């Protein structure tokens, strides 16, 4: 059986926030890299609406399983991410442990 230790693959996580105080999002899979150039965070108001990219300076990986908006403490309901918006992260995930 081959060793799957270094297996990586593309994944996406989708978030809908109902809590105006939510300042971070827990990822379903661990990111293989914390390098934001290898990931993309988007927001859309409806499923049939076009997605807008959140600029790399507007978010960060807090760790391999968590993202947050910048500056730290900014909530997902503040500013460009209004209530009811659909937020999606596309990234490369490391093998689940």
Protein backbone atom coordinates (compact mmCIF):
# COMPACT_ATOMS: atom_id res chain seq x y z
CA UNK A 1 0.00 0.00 0.00
CA UNK A 2 1.49 3.40 -0.97
CA UNK A 3 2.29 5.98 1.68
CA UNK A 4 -0.29 8.80 1.55
CA UNK A 5 1.61 11.07 3.95
CA UNK A 6 2.21 13.81 1.38
CA UNK A 7 -1.09 13.62 -0.51
CA UNK A 8 -2.64 17.03 -1.19
CA UNK A 9 -5.65 18.11 -3.23
CA UNK A 10 -7.98 21.00 -4.00
CA UNK A 11 -10.90 21.58 -1.65
CA UNK A 12 -13.43 24.27 -0.93
CA UNK A 13 -15.30 25.29 2.18
CA UNK A 14 -18.53 27.28 2.16
CA UNK A 15 -19.72 29.46 5.04
CA UNK A 16 -23.01 31.18 5.84
CA UNK A 17 -22.92 33.27 9.01
CA UNK A 18 -25.94 34.17 11.13
CA UNK A 19 -23.92 35.49 14.07
CA UNK A 20 -22.82 39.12 13.70
CA UNK A 21 -19.96 38.46 16.15
CA UNK A 22 -18.35 35.61 14.14
CA UNK A 23 -14.70 36.59 13.59
CA UNK A 24 -13.23 33.29 12.33
CA UNK A 25 -14.24 30.23 10.34
CA UNK A 26 -13.18 26.64 11.00
CA UNK A 27 -12.13 24.70 7.89
CA UNK A 28 -13.30 21.16 7.17
CA UNK A 29 -9.76 20.17 6.07
CA UNK A 30 -6.33 21.39 7.11
CA UNK A 31 -4.72 23.70 4.55
CA UNK A 32 -1.53 22.28 3.08
CA UNK A 33 -0.01 25.78 3.11
CA UNK A 34 -0.76 29.03 4.92
CA UNK A 35 0.38 30.90 1.78
CA UNK A 36 -2.66 32.94 0.69
CA UNK A 37 -1.42 33.02 -2.90
CA UNK A 38 -2.38 29.32 -3.01
CA UNK A 39 -5.94 30.01 -1.81
CA UNK A 40 -8.89 32.22 -2.73
CA UNK A 41 -11.64 33.65 -0.53
CA UNK A 42 -14.79 34.84 -2.30
CA UNK A 43 -18.15 36.27 -1.28
CA UNK A 44 -21.49 36.32 -3.10
CA UNK A 45 -24.89 37.61 -2.06
CA UNK A 46 -26.88 34.75 -3.67
CA UNK A 47 -26.11 31.37 -5.22
CA UNK A 48 -26.83 32.75 -8.69
CA UNK A 49 -24.78 35.94 -8.17
CA UNK A 50 -21.21 36.38 -9.30
CA UNK A 51 -18.48 35.95 -6.72
CA UNK A 52 -16.23 38.81 -5.59
CA UNK A 53 -12.71 37.98 -4.46
CA UNK A 54 -11.76 39.15 -0.97
CA UNK A 55 -8.31 40.76 -1.44
CA UNK A 56 -5.40 38.85 0.14
CA UNK A 57 -4.87 41.76 2.55
CA UNK A 58 -8.43 41.32 3.81
CA UNK A 59 -8.04 37.86 5.36
CA UNK A 60 -5.51 35.35 6.67
CA UNK A 61 -5.05 31.81 7.84
CA UNK A 62 -5.02 31.97 11.65
CA UNK A 63 -3.76 28.37 11.48
CA UNK A 64 -4.13 25.44 9.07
CA UNK A 65 -7.79 24.89 10.12
CA UNK A 66 -8.99 28.49 10.63
CA UNK A 67 -9.38 31.65 8.55
CA UNK A 68 -10.19 35.14 9.79
CA UNK A 69 -10.71 38.59 8.34
CA UNK A 70 -8.22 41.41 8.80
CA UNK A 71 -7.67 43.34 10.87
CA UNK A 72 -7.94 40.62 13.55
CA UNK A 73 -11.28 40.86 15.33
CA UNK A 74 -13.20 42.05 12.26
CA UNK A 75 -16.36 40.00 11.98
CA UNK A 76 -17.72 38.31 8.88
CA UNK A 77 -20.79 40.57 9.07
CA UNK A 78 -18.77 43.80 8.96
CA UNK A 79 -17.98 45.81 5.86
CA UNK A 80 -17.88 43.95 2.53
CA UNK A 81 -19.39 40.72 3.88
CA UNK A 82 -23.03 41.57 4.67
CA UNK A 83 -25.51 39.42 6.56
CA UNK A 84 -26.57 36.40 4.53
CA UNK A 85 -23.60 36.48 2.17
CA UNK A 86 -22.15 33.16 1.05
CA UNK A 87 -18.40 32.96 1.71
CA UNK A 88 -16.25 30.34 0.02
CA UNK A 89 -12.60 29.40 0.46
CA UNK A 90 -10.78 27.47 -2.24
CA UNK A 91 -7.46 26.02 -1.14
CA UNK A 92 -5.19 22.99 -1.26
CA UNK A 93 -5.73 20.64 1.66
CA UNK A 94 -3.29 18.28 3.27
CA UNK A 95 -4.18 14.66 3.88
CA UNK A 96 -6.73 14.40 6.69
CA UNK A 97 -5.34 12.89 9.88
